Amino acid sequence: MNQDHTTISKPKRPSFGILLLLGVLLVMLAAALGAFWLNRTDPATESEDLERATLRTKNLIELQAAESNTLSTYGWNDKAKGIVHIPVSRAMELVLPSLQATAAKEQP
């Protein structure tokens, strides 16, 4: 008795893990390409760079002048809340005696 069985093999389907891995890689690739696309910038010309540098220097000078004024004068920071500013030298004169008294108490 000769039995000849012919079997038809089904093509193997890729496993779920491989498909998931490929999907994750494609999503990561799309995200990276999207990030590069969104962050693309045209290089500024030298004149634009010079204008920006000039504006930043002007803004810095104005900020430093305002800070210097606040540190050396008396005035209101917030009148409604009763917050004032005083010159740094005067603030040190007011705080120094209490610091010296605290240091004297701590020494044996």
C-alpha atoms as a PDB file:
ATOM      1  CA  MET A   1       0.000   0.000   0.000  1.00  0.00           C
ATOM      2  CA  ASN A   2       1.402   3.065  -1.196  1.00  0.00           C
ATOM      3  CA  GLN A   3      -0.093   6.180   0.226  1.00  0.00           C
ATOM      4  CA  ASP A   4       0.963   9.336  -1.412  1.00  0.00           C
ATOM      5  CA  HIS A   5      -0.179  12.296   0.518  1.00  0.00           C
ATOM      6  CA  THR A   6       0.499  15.624  -0.933  1.00  0.00           C
ATOM      7  CA  THR A   7       0.372  18.413   1.497  1.00  0.00           C
ATOM      8  CA  ILE A   8      -0.105  21.949   0.502  1.00  0.00           C
ATOM      9  CA  SER A   9       1.835  24.175   2.782  1.00  0.00           C
ATOM     10  CA  LYS A  10       0.376  27.535   3.616  1.00  0.00           C
ATOM     11  CA  PRO A  11       2.676  30.523   3.339  1.00  0.00           C
ATOM     12  CA  LYS A  12       3.902  31.594   6.746  1.00  0.00           C
ATOM     13  CA  ARG A  13       2.514  34.842   8.004  1.00  0.00           C
ATOM     14  CA  PRO A  14       4.870  37.149   9.871  1.00  0.00           C
ATOM     15  CA  SER A  15       4.355  37.008  13.582  1.00  0.00           C
ATOM     16  CA  PHE A  16       2.574  39.770  15.445  1.00  0.00           C
ATOM     17  CA  GLY A  17       5.812  40.808  17.190  1.00  0.00           C
ATOM     18  CA  ILE A  18       7.624  41.481  13.936  1.00  0.00           C
ATOM     19  CA  LEU A  19       4.698  43.475  12.562  1.00  0.00           C
ATOM     20  CA  LEU A  20       4.546  45.495  15.765  1.00  0.00           C
ATOM     21  CA  LEU A  21       8.270  46.182  15.642  1.00  0.00           C
ATOM     22  CA  LEU A  22       8.056  47.346  12.033  1.00  0.00           C
ATOM     23  CA  GLY A  23       5.113  49.578  12.881  1.00  0.00           C
ATOM     24  CA  VAL A  24       6.950  51.178  15.792  1.00  0.00           C
ATOM     25  CA  LEU A  25      10.025  51.772  13.627  1.00  0.00           C
ATOM     26  CA  LEU A  26       7.914  53.411  10.926  1.00  0.00           C
ATOM     27  CA  VAL A  27       6.233  55.695  13.455  1.00  0.00           C
ATOM     28  CA  MET A  28       9.619  56.683  14.920  1.00  0.00           C
ATOM     29  CA  LEU A  29      10.982  57.385  11.432  1.00  0.00           C
ATOM     30  CA  ALA A  30       7.959  59.525  10.604  1.00  0.00           C
ATOM     31  CA  ALA A  31       8.342  61.436  13.894  1.00  0.00           C
ATOM     32  CA  ALA A  32      12.040  62.084  13.264  1.00  0.00           C
ATOM     33  CA  LEU A  33      11.412  63.284   9.723  1.00  0.00           C
ATOM     34  CA  GLY A  34       8.576  65.487  10.952  1.00  0.00           C
ATOM     35  CA  ALA A  35      10.798  67.015  13.628  1.00  0.00           C
ATOM     36  CA  PHE A  36      13.497  67.787  11.080  1.00  0.00           C
ATOM     37  CA  TRP A  37      10.916  69.317   8.770  1.00  0.00           C
ATOM     38  CA  LEU A  38       9.404  71.498  11.511  1.00  0.00           C
ATOM     39  CA  ASN A  39      12.787  72.704  12.764  1.00  0.00           C
ATOM     40  CA  ARG A  40      14.162  73.700   9.413  1.00  0.00           C
ATOM     41  CA  THR A  41      15.168  77.339   9.318  1.00  0.00           C
ATOM     42  CA  ASP A  42      16.517  79.567   6.682  1.00  0.00           C
ATOM     43  CA  PRO A  43      19.885  80.992   7.641  1.00  0.00           C
ATOM     44  CA  ALA A  44      19.776  84.658   8.517  1.00  0.00           C
ATOM     45  CA  THR A  45      21.701  87.095   6.441  1.00  0.00           C
ATOM     46  CA  GLU A  46      24.539  89.110   7.927  1.00  0.00           C
ATOM     47  CA  SER A  47      22.418  92.270   7.961  1.00  0.00           C
ATOM     48  CA  GLU A  48      19.641  90.471   9.866  1.00  0.00           C
ATOM     49  CA  ASP A  49      22.185  89.164  12.375  1.00  0.00           C
ATOM     50  CA  LEU A  50      23.596  92.668  12.818  1.00  0.00           C
ATOM     51  CA  GLU A  51      20.106  94.133  13.356  1.00  0.00           C
ATOM     52  CA  ARG A  52      19.303  91.482  15.975  1.00  0.00           C
ATOM     53  CA  ALA A  53      22.613  92.032  17.766  1.00  0.00           C
ATOM     54  CA  THR A  54      22.054  95.807  17.802  1.00  0.00           C
ATOM     55  CA  LEU A  55      18.523  95.422  19.178  1.00  0.00           C
ATOM     56  CA  ARG A  56      19.665  92.958  21.856  1.00  0.00           C
ATOM     57  CA  THR A  57      22.493  95.267  22.925  1.00  0.00           C
ATOM     58  CA  LYS A  58      20.061  98.198  23.180  1.00  0.00           C
ATOM     59  CA  ASN A  59      17.609  96.108  25.224  1.00  0.00           C
ATOM     60  CA  LEU A  60      20.401  94.935  27.536  1.00  0.00           C
ATOM     61  CA  ILE A  61      21.581  98.495  28.185  1.00  0.00           C
ATOM     62  CA  GLU A  62      18.012  99.601  28.990  1.00  0.00           C
ATOM     63  CA  LEU A  63      17.502  96.631  31.337  1.00  0.00           C
ATOM     64  CA  GLN A  64      20.776  97.253  33.168  1.00  0.00           C
ATOM     65  CA  ALA A  65      19.897 100.954  33.606  1.00  0.00           C
ATOM     66  CA  ALA A  66      16.480 100.061  35.048  1.00  0.00           C
ATOM     67  CA  GLU A  67      18.018  97.496  37.423  1.00  0.00           C
ATOM     68  CA  SER A  68      20.695  99.954  38.538  1.00  0.00           C
ATOM     69  CA  ASN A  69      18.012 102.544  39.230  1.00  0.00           C
ATOM     70  CA  THR A  70      15.966 100.050  41.266  1.00  0.00           C
ATOM     71  CA  LEU A  71      19.020  99.002  43.315  1.00  0.00           C
ATOM     72  CA  SER A  72      20.071 102.560  44.155  1.00  0.00           C
ATOM     73  CA  THR A  73      16.815 104.451  44.780  1.00  0.00           C
ATOM     74  CA  TYR A  74      13.720 104.384  46.964  1.00  0.00           C
ATOM     75  CA  GLY A  75      10.398 103.557  45.316  1.00  0.00           C
ATOM     76  CA  TRP A  76       7.314 101.417  45.098  1.00  0.00           C
ATOM     77  CA  ASN A  77       7.429  97.943  43.585  1.00  0.00           C
ATOM     78  CA  ASP A  78       3.720  97.359  44.230  1.00  0.00           C
ATOM     79  CA  LYS A  79       1.881 100.170  45.989  1.00  0.00           C
ATOM     80  CA  ALA A  80      -1.331  98.168  46.414  1.00  0.00           C
ATOM     81  CA  LYS A  81       0.533  95.423  48.285  1.00  0.00           C
ATOM     82  CA  GLY A  82       2.822  97.854  50.119  1.00  0.00           C
ATOM     83  CA  ILE A  83       6.040  96.511  48.598  1.00  0.00           C
ATOM     84  CA  VAL A  84       8.888  99.007  48.271  1.00  0.00           C
ATOM     85  CA  HIS A  85      12.507  98.925  47.185  1.00  0.00           C
ATOM     86  CA  ILE A  86      15.371 100.651  48.930  1.00  0.00           C
ATOM     87  CA  PRO A  87      19.029 101.111  48.029  1.00  0.00           C
ATOM     88  CA  VAL A  88      21.182  98.059  48.723  1.00  0.00           C
ATOM     89  CA  SER A  89      23.605 100.009  50.931  1.00  0.00           C
ATOM     90  CA  ARG A  90      20.741 101.176  53.173  1.00  0.00           C
ATOM     91  CA  ALA A  91      19.306  97.649  53.335  1.00  0.00           C
ATOM     92  CA  MET A  92      22.660  96.336  54.528  1.00  0.00           C
ATOM     93  CA  GLU A  93      22.800  99.048  57.229  1.00  0.00           C
ATOM     94  CA  LEU A  94      19.363  97.976  58.458  1.00  0.00           C
ATOM     95  CA  VAL A  95      20.069  94.229  58.462  1.00  0.00           C
ATOM     96  CA  LEU A  96      23.631  94.213  59.802  1.00  0.00           C
ATOM     97  CA  PRO A  97      22.788  94.949  63.496  1.00  0.00           C
ATOM     98  CA  SER A  98      20.293  92.069  63.687  1.00  0.00           C
ATOM     99  CA  LEU A  99      22.777  89.690  62.063  1.00  0.00           C
ATOM    100  CA  GLN A 100      25.493  90.741  64.519  1.00  0.00           C
ATOM    101  CA  ALA A 101      23.109  90.249  67.457  1.00  0.00           C
ATOM    102  CA  THR A 102      22.189  86.761  66.231  1.00  0.00           C
ATOM    103  CA  ALA A 103      25.854  85.851  65.765  1.00  0.00           C
ATOM    104  CA  ALA A 104      26.676  87.094  69.277  1.00  0.00           C
ATOM    105  CA  LYS A 105      23.932  84.913  70.801  1.00  0.00           C
ATOM    106  CA  GLU A 106      25.181  81.814  68.992  1.00  0.00           C
ATOM    107  CA  GLN A 107      28.765  82.172  70.186  1.00  0.00           C
ATOM    108  CA  PRO A 108      29.504  80.518  73.578  1.00  0.00           C
END
